[in-house]
Amino acid sequence: MRVLVADDERLLADTVADGLRKLSMAVDVVYDGDSAWEHLTVNRYDVAVLDRDMPGRTGDEVCRQVVGSGDGAKVLLLTAAAGIRDRVEGLGLGADDYLTKPFAFAELAARVQALSRRSGPALPPLLEQAGIVLDSTRHTAARDGQVLALSSKEFAVLRVLMRAGGRVVSAEELLEQAWDEHVDPFTNTVRMTVMTLRRKLGDPSAIHTVRRVGYRLGS
């Protein structure tokens, strides 16, 4: 799950991003509308969290461009305006959801998770495969009834593999969906994360390496 957070209130944007990362989301942060649109044209995001009032392009303008591009990113608009007319106007721009400031982080996180499930083929929040049960809502994972103590990145990688439904997932795809833009694509971070995740999942091995292609989850 990859998310873009765009808000010129830097402390708010950074706080939201840190909270979403703790939920194993890959999050990029920008502080103006022009940077938001630039990121959206370069990267594929499941959800874009946009403040309506930003320098450069406004959140409204970015929202219109996202909707017009048809790239599939879901848009959550943030605003300090709490009136019904403002909410209706925001949704009329094509936004998928709307949240007024101040807000509780738990509510924003729940809305982002709900939108991400709508950004691709519909998948339940509870995924099961090879004796593994992953609950995205509660951010828990277990195998054969044993709770797994996973890091945020291990959880994110496991979620990507489980969403693939047995399909081979390349290292590049894992980087795109589980890490933000600051990761060095030439490091062995994917291999090391998969290695520790495989160890925590235990025997029999649930993650299979397909040489020169990627990784597949299965029994």
Protein backbone atom coordinates (compact mmCIF):
# COMPACT_ATOMS: atom_id res chain seq x y z
CA MET A 1 0.00 0.00 0.00
CA ARG A 2 1.57 3.27 -1.11
CA VAL A 3 0.25 6.64 0.05
CA LEU A 4 1.04 10.25 -0.82
CA VAL A 5 0.47 12.85 1.91
CA ALA A 6 0.38 16.48 0.69
CA ASP A 7 -0.14 19.30 3.18
CA ASP A 8 1.67 22.60 3.70
CA GLU A 9 1.32 22.18 7.48
CA ARG A 10 4.61 20.32 7.71
CA LEU A 11 4.24 19.07 11.27
CA LEU A 12 0.80 17.66 10.51
CA ALA A 13 1.96 16.05 7.26
CA ASP A 14 5.01 14.47 8.89
CA THR A 15 2.98 13.25 11.87
CA VAL A 16 0.37 11.64 9.63
CA ALA A 17 3.09 10.02 7.49
CA ASP A 18 4.87 8.60 10.54
CA GLY A 19 1.62 7.15 11.84
CA LEU A 20 0.77 5.51 8.52
CA ARG A 21 4.27 4.05 8.24
CA LYS A 22 3.75 2.36 11.60
CA LEU A 23 0.80 0.62 9.93
CA SER A 24 3.21 -0.76 7.30
CA MET A 25 2.27 1.68 4.56
CA ALA A 26 4.86 3.18 2.20
CA VAL A 27 4.38 6.95 2.50
CA ASP A 28 5.82 9.87 0.54
CA VAL A 29 5.34 13.42 1.87
CA VAL A 30 5.21 16.75 0.03
CA TYR A 31 4.24 20.23 1.17
CA ASP A 32 2.74 21.91 -1.91
CA GLY A 33 0.38 21.11 -4.74
CA ASP A 34 2.94 21.25 -7.55
CA SER A 35 5.12 18.64 -5.82
CA ALA A 36 2.03 16.52 -5.18
CA TRP A 37 1.12 16.43 -8.86
CA GLU A 38 4.74 15.74 -9.86
CA HIS A 39 4.84 12.73 -7.52
CA LEU A 40 1.50 11.48 -8.76
CA THR A 41 2.72 11.55 -12.38
CA VAL A 42 5.90 9.61 -11.52
CA ASN A 43 4.74 7.05 -8.92
CA ARG A 44 1.71 4.83 -8.57
CA TYR A 45 -0.20 5.51 -5.34
CA ASP A 46 -3.14 3.66 -3.88
CA VAL A 47 -4.28 6.74 -1.96
CA ALA A 48 -3.47 10.47 -2.11
CA VAL A 49 -4.23 12.51 1.02
CA LEU A 50 -4.50 16.12 -0.19
CA ASP A 51 -5.02 19.32 1.77
CA ARG A 52 -7.41 21.55 -0.17
CA ASP A 53 -5.46 24.75 0.56
CA MET A 54 -1.82 24.38 -0.51
CA PRO A 55 0.70 26.68 -2.24
CA GLY A 56 1.06 26.25 -5.99
CA ARG A 57 -1.67 23.95 -7.25
CA THR A 58 -4.44 23.70 -4.68
CA GLY A 59 -5.61 20.33 -3.46
CA ASP A 60 -8.77 20.91 -5.50
CA GLU A 61 -6.73 21.30 -8.68
CA VAL A 62 -4.62 18.22 -7.96
CA CYS A 63 -7.79 16.24 -7.23
CA ARG A 64 -9.29 17.24 -10.58
CA GLN A 65 -6.10 16.22 -12.37
CA VAL A 66 -5.95 12.85 -10.59
CA VAL A 67 -9.58 12.12 -11.45
CA GLY A 68 -9.05 13.26 -15.04
CA SER A 69 -5.94 11.13 -15.48
CA GLY A 70 -7.77 7.96 -14.49
CA ASP A 71 -4.62 6.52 -12.88
CA GLY A 72 -6.64 4.76 -10.17
CA ALA A 73 -5.39 6.62 -7.08
CA LYS A 74 -8.12 7.29 -4.53
CA VAL A 75 -8.27 10.83 -3.14
CA LEU A 76 -8.92 11.85 0.46
CA LEU A 77 -9.31 15.63 0.79
CA LEU A 78 -8.42 17.42 4.03
CA THR A 79 -9.77 20.85 4.94
CA ALA A 80 -10.41 23.14 7.87
CA ALA A 81 -13.81 24.04 6.40
CA ALA A 82 -16.43 21.93 8.14
CA GLY A 83 -19.63 23.11 6.51
CA ILE A 84 -21.91 20.77 4.56
CA ARG A 85 -21.54 22.95 1.47
CA ASP A 86 -17.75 22.58 1.64
CA ARG A 87 -17.99 18.79 1.96
CA VAL A 88 -20.40 18.56 -0.94
CA GLU A 89 -18.11 20.79 -3.03
CA GLY A 90 -15.09 18.63 -2.20
CA LEU A 91 -16.83 15.42 -3.13
CA GLY A 92 -18.12 17.11 -6.27
CA LEU A 93 -14.52 17.50 -7.43
CA GLY A 94 -14.32 13.73 -7.70
CA ALA A 95 -12.70 13.06 -4.33
CA ASP A 96 -13.41 9.64 -2.85
CA ASP A 97 -13.55 10.85 0.74
CA TYR A 98 -13.39 14.06 2.77
CA LEU A 99 -12.12 14.75 6.29
CA THR A 100 -12.22 18.01 8.24
CA LYS A 101 -9.47 19.30 10.50
CA PRO A 102 -8.83 18.71 13.32
CA PHE A 103 -9.28 14.97 13.02
CA ALA A 104 -8.37 11.88 15.00
CA PHE A 105 -5.49 9.98 13.40
CA ALA A 106 -7.31 6.67 13.94
CA GLU A 107 -10.16 7.90 11.74
CA LEU A 108 -7.83 9.10 8.99
CA ALA A 109 -5.95 5.77 9.04
CA ALA A 110 -9.21 3.83 8.82
CA ARG A 111 -10.37 5.93 5.86
CA VAL A 112 -7.03 5.47 4.07
CA GLN A 113 -7.20 1.71 4.60
CA ALA A 114 -10.77 1.60 3.30
CA LEU A 115 -9.84 3.63 0.22
CA SER A 116 -6.81 1.44 -0.50
CA ARG A 117 -9.05 -1.62 -0.66
CA ARG A 118 -11.04 0.17 -3.37
CA SER A 119 -7.99 1.20 -5.42
CA GLY A 120 -7.60 -2.25 -6.98
CA PRO A 121 -9.51 -5.52 -7.18
CA ALA A 122 -11.71 -5.88 -4.11
CA LEU A 123 -9.92 -7.84 -1.41
CA PRO A 124 -11.06 -8.52 2.15
CA PRO A 125 -9.10 -6.99 5.06
CA LEU A 126 -8.55 -10.55 6.33
CA LEU A 127 -6.23 -12.58 4.06
CA GLU A 128 -5.54 -16.30 4.52
CA GLN A 129 -2.99 -18.48 2.73
CA ALA A 130 -0.59 -21.31 3.60
CA GLY A 131 -1.82 -21.34 7.20
CA ILE A 132 -1.12 -17.60 7.51
CA VAL A 133 -3.85 -15.16 8.56
CA LEU A 134 -3.17 -11.45 8.02
CA ASP A 135 -5.55 -8.82 9.34
CA SER A 136 -4.83 -5.41 7.79
CA THR A 137 -7.38 -3.65 9.98
CA ARG A 138 -5.91 -4.87 13.27
CA HIS A 139 -2.37 -4.98 11.85
CA THR A 140 -1.81 -8.54 13.06
CA ALA A 141 -0.50 -11.72 11.46
CA ALA A 142 -0.42 -15.32 12.66
CA ARG A 143 0.55 -18.72 11.29
CA ASP A 144 -1.17 -21.87 12.48
CA GLY A 145 -2.59 -19.89 15.39
CA GLN A 146 0.78 -18.50 16.50
CA VAL A 147 1.00 -14.71 16.51
CA LEU A 148 3.91 -13.38 14.46
CA ALA A 149 6.04 -10.50 15.77
CA LEU A 150 6.70 -8.71 12.48
CA SER A 151 8.34 -5.37 11.80
CA SER A 152 6.38 -2.83 9.77
CA LYS A 153 8.32 -3.67 6.60
CA GLU A 154 7.96 -7.44 7.13
CA PHE A 155 4.21 -6.99 7.55
CA ALA A 156 4.06 -4.85 4.40
CA VAL A 157 5.99 -7.42 2.35
CA LEU A 158 3.80 -10.25 3.63
CA ARG A 159 0.68 -8.27 2.73
CA VAL A 160 1.93 -7.70 -0.83
CA LEU A 161 2.74 -11.40 -1.25
CA MET A 162 -0.63 -12.48 0.12
CA ARG A 163 -2.53 -10.01 -2.06
CA ALA A 164 -0.74 -11.51 -5.07
CA GLY A 165 -2.63 -14.79 -4.49
CA GLY A 166 0.25 -17.10 -5.39
CA ARG A 167 1.57 -14.98 -8.24
CA VAL A 168 5.33 -14.35 -8.36
CA VAL A 169 6.13 -10.84 -7.11
CA SER A 170 9.33 -9.20 -8.31
CA ALA A 171 11.75 -7.36 -6.02
CA GLU A 172 10.94 -4.17 -7.96
CA GLU A 173 7.22 -4.59 -7.23
CA LEU A 174 7.94 -5.12 -3.54
CA LEU A 175 10.07 -1.97 -3.49
CA GLU A 176 7.29 0.02 -5.15
CA GLN A 177 4.52 -1.16 -2.83
CA ALA A 178 6.27 -1.56 0.52
CA TRP A 179 8.92 1.19 0.55
CA ASP A 180 8.81 4.96 -0.03
CA GLU A 181 10.74 6.98 -2.60
CA HIS A 182 13.84 7.33 -0.42
CA VAL A 183 14.84 3.66 -0.58
CA ASP A 184 17.97 2.88 -2.61
CA PRO A 185 16.82 0.47 -5.36
CA PHE A 186 20.31 -1.01 -5.56
CA THR A 187 20.49 -2.18 -1.95
CA ASN A 188 19.67 -5.69 -0.79
CA THR A 189 16.92 -4.41 1.51
CA VAL A 190 14.23 -6.55 -0.15
CA ARG A 191 16.29 -9.72 0.06
CA MET A 192 17.15 -9.11 3.73
CA THR A 193 13.53 -8.33 4.65
CA VAL A 194 12.27 -11.44 2.88
CA MET A 195 14.95 -13.50 4.62
CA THR A 196 13.92 -12.33 8.11
CA LEU A 197 10.22 -12.70 7.24
CA ARG A 198 10.78 -16.25 6.00
CA ARG A 199 12.56 -17.11 9.25
CA LYS A 200 9.75 -15.69 11.39
CA LEU A 201 7.12 -17.60 9.40
CA GLY A 202 8.90 -20.84 10.34
CA ASP A 203 8.72 -24.27 8.75
CA PRO A 204 7.63 -25.42 6.31
CA SER A 205 8.87 -22.48 4.29
CA ALA A 206 5.98 -20.37 2.98
CA ILE A 207 8.00 -17.98 0.79
CA HIS A 208 9.61 -19.47 -2.28
CA THR A 209 12.30 -17.73 -4.32
CA VAL A 210 11.85 -17.94 -8.07
CA ARG A 211 15.36 -17.42 -9.41
CA ARG A 212 15.82 -14.14 -11.31
CA VAL A 213 12.09 -13.44 -11.12
CA GLY A 214 11.00 -12.79 -7.54
CA TYR A 215 9.12 -14.36 -4.64
CA ARG A 216 5.94 -16.37 -4.29
CA LEU A 217 3.88 -17.24 -1.22
CA GLY A 218 2.52 -20.76 -1.06
CA SER A 219 2.56 -24.08 0.75
